[in-house]
Amino acid sequence: MSSVIPMPDAANAYPLFRLINDAHSPLGDIFFGIVTGLGDGLIISLLCSLLILFHMRAGIASLGAFIISGLVAQMLKRAFDMPRPPVVLDNVHVLGHSLSSHSFPSGHATSDGVMVLLAFIIWSRADWRSWSVATLFVLAAVGRIYVGVHFPVDVAAGLFIGMVTMWLCWRWSARLPVDAWLQSAWSWKIPALIVVAQAAVLGLGYHVQPATAQPLALILPLLSLLLLAQVCKQRLAHE
């Protein structure tokens, strides 16, 4: 007498995804719908460029890590070409545009991983600021599951790639002649011009992904330019 092994119910095949994605609420939609946009590429590059003005070595290392880890993530996306949750599962709670392919790894989570480790490089492990910033970007990565565009394994892999790349770039940046560069007035003027350009692109029609995070395209450019104005005022006063 043959026995038939029942196939797992697709609705219950991804328990961690379901735990996070099914826990949606109006307040959660607002929070994760905005916070998960922090992993957007232009936003991360803007934050890294701003950091160069205050901590050149960390800023350059983080910008390099963002670029390299992003390339690695994109190559893996094309190599695996894994389907997104809405393709595999029914009743997925999706915020923003519904995506179908290139799920593994999460590009947003990869960028978030860079920022998680960067927080502990800028501040010590005992500093509340490092834990606060790291937690914020971990939540931004988890938000990719909440908004229905990634599985937990996509997010975990992305965070790992971003953190490892940031660590490697930080080690590599020790070889840079940062002290010599800081003697030049262009050491802050060039990053300032880059920040202005990035803030302009972000604030003038750039579409943040997911679309629910679009308020970041208004808030971050304004805050960046206000901060940049203070930096320019202080630097010019000493020249």
Protein backbone atom coordinates (compact mmCIF):
# COMPACT_ATOMS: atom_id res chain seq x y z
CA MET A 1 0.00 0.00 0.00
CA SER A 2 1.62 3.24 -1.08
CA SER A 3 1.49 6.34 1.01
CA VAL A 4 1.32 9.84 -0.33
CA ILE A 5 3.41 12.49 1.37
CA PRO A 6 1.38 15.72 1.49
CA MET A 7 2.96 18.79 0.01
CA PRO A 8 3.43 21.70 2.45
CA ASP A 9 0.85 24.42 2.34
CA ALA A 10 2.40 27.37 0.47
CA ALA A 11 0.76 29.75 2.90
CA ASN A 12 2.70 28.21 5.78
CA ALA A 13 5.95 27.39 3.97
CA TYR A 14 7.66 30.63 4.98
CA PRO A 15 6.81 31.10 8.68
CA LEU A 16 9.24 33.97 9.41
CA PHE A 17 8.12 35.85 6.32
CA ARG A 18 4.50 35.34 7.33
CA LEU A 19 5.19 36.40 10.90
CA ILE A 20 6.55 39.76 9.73
CA ASN A 21 4.46 40.40 6.62
CA ASP A 22 1.15 39.38 8.21
CA ALA A 23 1.73 41.68 11.19
CA HIS A 24 0.74 44.71 9.16
CA SER A 25 -1.29 47.57 10.56
CA PRO A 26 -1.99 51.19 9.56
CA LEU A 27 0.74 52.42 11.92
CA GLY A 28 3.16 49.73 10.76
CA ASP A 29 2.49 50.65 7.13
CA ILE A 30 3.43 54.25 7.84
CA PHE A 31 6.54 53.37 9.84
CA PHE A 32 8.01 50.61 7.66
CA GLY A 33 6.73 52.21 4.48
CA ILE A 34 9.00 55.18 5.17
CA VAL A 35 11.89 53.65 7.14
CA THR A 36 12.61 50.90 4.62
CA GLY A 37 13.33 53.62 2.06
CA LEU A 38 16.51 54.50 3.96
CA GLY A 39 18.20 51.66 2.09
CA ASP A 40 17.61 53.35 -1.27
CA GLY A 41 20.86 53.75 -3.18
CA LEU A 42 20.79 57.53 -3.64
CA ILE A 43 19.90 58.07 0.01
CA ILE A 44 22.78 55.90 1.21
CA SER A 45 25.26 57.60 -1.13
CA LEU A 46 24.07 61.01 0.08
CA LEU A 47 24.62 60.00 3.71
CA CYS A 48 28.10 58.65 2.92
CA SER A 49 29.04 61.84 1.06
CA LEU A 50 27.88 63.93 3.99
CA LEU A 51 30.00 61.84 6.33
CA ILE A 52 33.14 62.66 4.32
CA LEU A 53 32.76 66.26 5.52
CA PHE A 54 33.05 65.17 9.15
CA HIS A 55 35.02 61.91 9.09
CA MET A 56 36.84 61.60 5.77
CA ARG A 57 38.22 58.09 6.22
CA ALA A 58 34.90 56.60 7.35
CA GLY A 59 33.02 58.49 4.66
CA ILE A 60 35.27 57.29 1.84
CA ALA A 61 35.27 53.73 3.20
CA SER A 62 31.47 53.67 3.48
CA LEU A 63 31.00 55.12 -0.01
CA GLY A 64 33.37 52.49 -1.39
CA ALA A 65 31.58 49.75 0.56
CA PHE A 66 28.22 50.95 -0.74
CA ILE A 67 29.39 50.80 -4.35
CA ILE A 68 31.22 47.47 -4.09
CA SER A 69 28.56 45.68 -2.06
CA GLY A 70 25.90 47.02 -4.42
CA LEU A 71 27.74 45.54 -7.41
CA VAL A 72 28.11 42.20 -5.61
CA ALA A 73 24.40 42.18 -4.75
CA GLN A 74 23.41 42.97 -8.33
CA MET A 75 25.60 40.19 -9.71
CA LEU A 76 24.10 37.70 -7.27
CA LYS A 77 20.60 38.89 -8.18
CA ARG A 78 21.23 38.09 -11.83
CA ALA A 79 23.00 34.82 -11.04
CA PHE A 80 20.19 33.42 -8.86
CA ASP A 81 17.20 35.34 -10.28
CA MET A 82 14.98 34.21 -7.40
CA PRO A 83 11.25 35.07 -7.44
CA ARG A 84 9.77 37.65 -5.09
CA PRO A 85 7.22 36.76 -2.39
CA PRO A 86 4.12 37.81 -4.40
CA VAL A 87 5.10 35.28 -7.09
CA VAL A 88 5.48 32.41 -4.62
CA LEU A 89 2.82 33.17 -2.04
CA ASP A 90 -0.76 34.33 -1.96
CA ASN A 91 -2.12 37.24 0.07
CA VAL A 92 1.22 39.04 0.42
CA HIS A 93 0.90 42.48 1.97
CA VAL A 94 2.71 44.76 -0.51
CA LEU A 95 3.49 48.44 -0.09
CA GLY A 96 4.60 50.32 -3.16
CA HIS A 97 5.17 48.51 -6.45
CA SER A 98 4.87 44.73 -6.53
CA LEU A 99 8.12 43.17 -7.79
CA SER A 100 8.51 39.69 -9.28
CA SER A 101 12.18 38.80 -9.85
CA HIS A 102 15.77 39.22 -8.64
CA SER A 103 14.85 38.72 -4.99
CA PHE A 104 18.15 37.33 -3.63
CA PRO A 105 19.88 39.17 -2.05
CA SER A 106 18.13 42.38 -1.05
CA GLY A 107 19.93 45.41 -2.45
CA HIS A 108 18.36 47.70 0.14
CA ALA A 109 19.44 45.39 2.98
CA THR A 110 22.95 45.27 1.53
CA SER A 111 23.19 49.06 1.78
CA ASP A 112 21.64 48.91 5.26
CA GLY A 113 24.36 46.46 6.30
CA VAL A 114 27.02 48.99 5.33
CA MET A 115 25.38 51.57 7.59
CA VAL A 116 24.94 49.14 10.49
CA LEU A 117 28.66 48.43 10.76
CA LEU A 118 29.52 52.05 9.96
CA ALA A 119 27.64 53.15 13.07
CA PHE A 120 29.95 51.07 15.26
CA ILE A 121 33.01 52.39 13.42
CA ILE A 122 32.06 56.03 13.98
CA TRP A 123 31.01 55.52 17.59
CA SER A 124 32.05 52.93 20.16
CA ARG A 125 30.02 49.86 21.05
CA ALA A 126 29.22 51.49 24.37
CA ASP A 127 27.76 54.59 22.73
CA TRP A 128 23.96 54.72 22.50
CA ARG A 129 24.21 56.48 19.13
CA SER A 130 25.83 53.47 17.47
CA TRP A 131 23.09 51.15 18.71
CA SER A 132 20.37 53.62 17.76
CA VAL A 133 21.60 54.09 14.20
CA ALA A 134 22.34 50.38 13.75
CA THR A 135 18.86 49.48 14.99
CA LEU A 136 17.29 51.99 12.63
CA PHE A 137 18.99 50.43 9.61
CA VAL A 138 18.25 46.89 10.75
CA LEU A 139 14.59 47.90 10.93
CA ALA A 140 14.93 49.41 7.46
CA ALA A 141 16.18 46.02 6.24
CA VAL A 142 13.42 44.11 8.04
CA GLY A 143 11.01 46.51 6.40
CA ARG A 144 11.79 44.87 3.06
CA ILE A 145 9.97 41.80 4.40
CA TYR A 146 7.14 43.85 5.86
CA VAL A 147 6.48 45.63 2.55
CA GLY A 148 6.36 42.28 0.76
CA VAL A 149 9.31 42.50 -1.64
CA HIS A 150 11.86 40.17 0.01
CA PHE A 151 12.15 36.95 1.98
CA PRO A 152 14.10 36.86 5.28
CA VAL A 153 17.01 35.03 3.62
CA ASP A 154 17.31 37.87 1.08
CA VAL A 155 17.55 40.41 3.88
CA ALA A 156 19.96 38.36 6.00
CA ALA A 157 22.28 37.82 3.02
CA GLY A 158 22.14 41.50 2.13
CA LEU A 159 23.00 42.63 5.65
CA PHE A 160 25.90 40.15 5.75
CA ILE A 161 27.31 41.30 2.40
CA GLY A 162 27.04 44.95 3.39
CA MET A 163 28.67 44.50 6.79
CA VAL A 164 31.54 42.36 5.48
CA THR A 165 32.23 44.79 2.65
CA MET A 166 32.19 47.73 5.06
CA TRP A 167 34.68 45.95 7.32
CA LEU A 168 37.00 45.21 4.39
CA CYS A 169 36.80 48.77 3.07
CA TRP A 170 37.46 50.18 6.54
CA ARG A 171 40.59 48.04 6.81
CA TRP A 172 41.67 49.12 3.32
CA SER A 173 41.05 52.81 4.08
CA ALA A 174 43.85 52.78 6.66
CA ARG A 175 46.25 53.02 3.72
CA LEU A 176 44.76 56.27 2.43
CA PRO A 177 46.77 59.48 3.03
CA VAL A 178 43.79 61.13 4.71
CA ASP A 179 45.89 63.51 6.84
CA ALA A 180 47.59 64.90 3.73
CA TRP A 181 44.29 65.31 1.92
CA LEU A 182 42.80 67.24 4.82
CA GLN A 183 45.40 69.95 4.31
CA SER A 184 43.74 70.93 1.05
CA ALA A 185 40.70 73.21 0.92
CA TRP A 186 39.29 70.87 -1.73
CA SER A 187 39.04 68.10 0.86
CA TRP A 188 35.67 69.52 1.90
CA LYS A 189 34.69 71.49 -1.20
CA ILE A 190 34.55 68.47 -3.50
CA PRO A 191 32.35 66.42 -1.10
CA ALA A 192 30.18 69.52 -0.62
CA LEU A 193 29.59 69.78 -4.38
CA ILE A 194 28.74 66.07 -4.50
CA VAL A 195 26.25 66.51 -1.65
CA VAL A 196 24.60 69.43 -3.45
CA ALA A 197 24.27 67.39 -6.65
CA GLN A 198 22.87 64.34 -4.83
CA ALA A 199 20.44 66.43 -2.79
CA ALA A 200 19.24 68.15 -5.98
CA VAL A 201 18.62 64.85 -7.78
CA LEU A 202 16.88 63.37 -4.74
CA GLY A 203 14.69 66.39 -4.18
CA LEU A 204 13.79 67.15 -7.78
CA GLY A 205 11.70 64.22 -8.94
CA TYR A 206 13.70 61.16 -7.88
CA HIS A 207 11.41 58.20 -7.09
CA VAL A 208 12.39 56.49 -3.85
CA GLN A 209 11.66 52.77 -3.65
CA PRO A 210 9.19 51.90 -2.22
CA ALA A 211 6.93 54.77 -3.23
CA THR A 212 5.63 54.98 0.34
CA ALA A 213 9.06 56.33 1.35
CA GLN A 214 8.82 59.31 -0.99
CA PRO A 215 8.70 61.79 1.95
CA LEU A 216 12.40 61.01 2.44
CA ALA A 217 13.06 62.64 -0.95
CA LEU A 218 11.79 65.90 0.53
CA ILE A 219 13.11 65.72 4.08
CA LEU A 220 16.66 64.43 3.55
CA PRO A 221 17.74 66.90 0.83
CA LEU A 222 16.51 69.80 2.97
CA LEU A 223 18.30 68.55 6.08
CA SER A 224 21.44 67.81 4.08
CA LEU A 225 21.59 71.30 2.59
CA LEU A 226 20.97 72.93 5.98
CA LEU A 227 23.79 70.88 7.48
CA LEU A 228 26.02 71.63 4.51
CA ALA A 229 25.36 75.36 4.90
CA GLN A 230 26.60 75.21 8.49
CA VAL A 231 29.71 73.29 7.44
CA CYS A 232 30.51 75.76 4.65
CA LYS A 233 30.04 78.70 6.98
CA GLN A 234 32.46 77.25 9.53
CA ARG A 235 35.06 76.16 6.95
CA LEU A 236 35.03 79.47 5.06
CA ALA A 237 35.42 81.37 8.33
CA HIS A 238 38.72 79.55 8.93
CA GLU A 239 40.15 80.09 5.45
